[in-house]
Amino acid sequence: MSRMAAEEGAINLSQGFPDFPVSQELIELIYKNMTAGHNQYAPMPGTPALRKSIADVVLKHISVKLILKTK
């Protein structure tokens, strides 16, 4: 996949090889969660906590847009 992406001038999303520095905060969060046993892929629809967080953010932004449009 890497060779094909390079040949086609595409962005290779198949492997996690970031070409930028990773923050220490992210490394610590990953370590904390990996040692707590969170080391598997999440279910396809997401975990309940993540889904709720996303719904809260979307609702907040939609509510703000609705309020702004009515004024």
C-alpha atoms as a PDB file:
ATOM      1  CA  MET A   1       0.000   0.000   0.000  1.00  0.00           C
ATOM      2  CA  SER A   2       2.821   2.390   0.834  1.00  0.00           C
ATOM      3  CA  ARG A   3       4.487   1.835  -2.536  1.00  0.00           C
ATOM      4  CA  MET A   4       1.211   2.263  -4.409  1.00  0.00           C
ATOM      5  CA  ALA A   5       0.393   5.488  -2.544  1.00  0.00           C
ATOM      6  CA  ALA A   6       3.846   6.875  -3.344  1.00  0.00           C
ATOM      7  CA  GLU A   7       3.541   5.897  -7.016  1.00  0.00           C
ATOM      8  CA  GLU A   8       0.120   7.518  -7.312  1.00  0.00           C
ATOM      9  CA  GLY A   9       0.989  10.596  -5.234  1.00  0.00           C
ATOM     10  CA  ALA A  10      -1.737   9.657  -2.764  1.00  0.00           C
ATOM     11  CA  ILE A  11      -1.906  10.032   1.007  1.00  0.00           C
ATOM     12  CA  ASN A  12      -1.342   6.638   2.602  1.00  0.00           C
ATOM     13  CA  LEU A  13      -3.960   6.135   5.298  1.00  0.00           C
ATOM     14  CA  SER A  14      -3.311   2.406   5.680  1.00  0.00           C
ATOM     15  CA  GLN A  15      -0.622   2.615   8.365  1.00  0.00           C
ATOM     16  CA  GLY A  16       0.010   4.826  11.339  1.00  0.00           C
ATOM     17  CA  PHE A  17       3.300   6.473  10.422  1.00  0.00           C
ATOM     18  CA  PRO A  18       2.858  10.139  11.359  1.00  0.00           C
ATOM     19  CA  ASP A  19       5.303  12.509   9.742  1.00  0.00           C
ATOM     20  CA  PHE A  20       4.977  15.025  12.562  1.00  0.00           C
ATOM     21  CA  PRO A  21       5.992  14.992  16.229  1.00  0.00           C
ATOM     22  CA  VAL A  22       3.517  13.481  18.684  1.00  0.00           C
ATOM     23  CA  SER A  23       2.761  15.551  21.780  1.00  0.00           C
ATOM     24  CA  GLN A  24       3.853  14.278  25.170  1.00  0.00           C
ATOM     25  CA  GLU A  25       0.258  14.689  26.384  1.00  0.00           C
ATOM     26  CA  LEU A  26      -0.989  12.289  23.700  1.00  0.00           C
ATOM     27  CA  ILE A  27       1.735   9.766  24.531  1.00  0.00           C
ATOM     28  CA  GLU A  28       0.768   9.872  28.219  1.00  0.00           C
ATOM     29  CA  LEU A  29      -2.946   9.466  27.444  1.00  0.00           C
ATOM     30  CA  ILE A  30      -2.227   6.510  25.180  1.00  0.00           C
ATOM     31  CA  TYR A  31      -0.021   4.915  27.836  1.00  0.00           C
ATOM     32  CA  LYS A  32      -2.658   5.464  30.539  1.00  0.00           C
ATOM     33  CA  ASN A  33      -5.418   3.918  28.440  1.00  0.00           C
ATOM     34  CA  MET A  34      -3.328   1.040  27.111  1.00  0.00           C
ATOM     35  CA  THR A  35      -2.266   0.024  30.629  1.00  0.00           C
ATOM     36  CA  ALA A  36      -5.928   0.242  31.709  1.00  0.00           C
ATOM     37  CA  GLY A  37      -6.730  -2.427  29.124  1.00  0.00           C
ATOM     38  CA  HIS A  38      -8.188  -0.196  26.410  1.00  0.00           C
ATOM     39  CA  ASN A  39      -6.167  -1.754  23.630  1.00  0.00           C
ATOM     40  CA  GLN A  40      -8.689  -3.101  21.124  1.00  0.00           C
ATOM     41  CA  TYR A  41     -10.574  -1.503  18.268  1.00  0.00           C
ATOM     42  CA  ALA A  42     -13.849   0.034  19.371  1.00  0.00           C
ATOM     43  CA  PRO A  43     -17.140  -1.355  18.040  1.00  0.00           C
ATOM     44  CA  MET A  44     -18.019   0.056  14.604  1.00  0.00           C
ATOM     45  CA  PRO A  45     -20.797   2.343  15.925  1.00  0.00           C
ATOM     46  CA  GLY A  46     -18.436   3.610  18.664  1.00  0.00           C
ATOM     47  CA  THR A  47     -18.506   3.238  22.412  1.00  0.00           C
ATOM     48  CA  PRO A  48     -21.506   4.658  24.275  1.00  0.00           C
ATOM     49  CA  ALA A  49     -19.382   7.325  26.009  1.00  0.00           C
ATOM     50  CA  LEU A  50     -17.860   8.481  22.723  1.00  0.00           C
ATOM     51  CA  ARG A  51     -21.240   8.544  20.986  1.00  0.00           C
ATOM     52  CA  LYS A  52     -22.703  10.652  23.798  1.00  0.00           C
ATOM     53  CA  SER A  53     -19.767  13.085  23.670  1.00  0.00           C
ATOM     54  CA  ILE A  54     -20.153  13.486  19.910  1.00  0.00           C
ATOM     55  CA  ALA A  55     -23.912  13.986  20.269  1.00  0.00           C
ATOM     56  CA  ASP A  56     -23.364  16.644  22.950  1.00  0.00           C
ATOM     57  CA  VAL A  57     -20.915  18.562  20.746  1.00  0.00           C
ATOM     58  CA  VAL A  58     -23.194  18.356  17.708  1.00  0.00           C
ATOM     59  CA  LEU A  59     -26.229  19.433  19.724  1.00  0.00           C
ATOM     60  CA  LYS A  60     -24.299  22.358  21.205  1.00  0.00           C
ATOM     61  CA  HIS A  61     -23.216  23.565  17.773  1.00  0.00           C
ATOM     62  CA  ILE A  62     -26.645  23.091  16.215  1.00  0.00           C
ATOM     63  CA  SER A  63     -28.301  24.918  19.117  1.00  0.00           C
ATOM     64  CA  VAL A  64     -25.897  27.829  18.713  1.00  0.00           C
ATOM     65  CA  LYS A  65     -26.600  28.013  14.978  1.00  0.00           C
ATOM     66  CA  LEU A  66     -30.361  27.913  15.556  1.00  0.00           C
ATOM     67  CA  ILE A  67     -30.127  30.706  18.136  1.00  0.00           C
ATOM     68  CA  LEU A  68     -27.970  32.825  15.822  1.00  0.00           C
ATOM     69  CA  LYS A  69     -30.340  32.362  12.870  1.00  0.00           C
ATOM     70  CA  THR A  70     -33.388  33.451  14.841  1.00  0.00           C
ATOM     71  CA  LYS A  71     -31.875  36.789  15.865  1.00  0.00           C
END
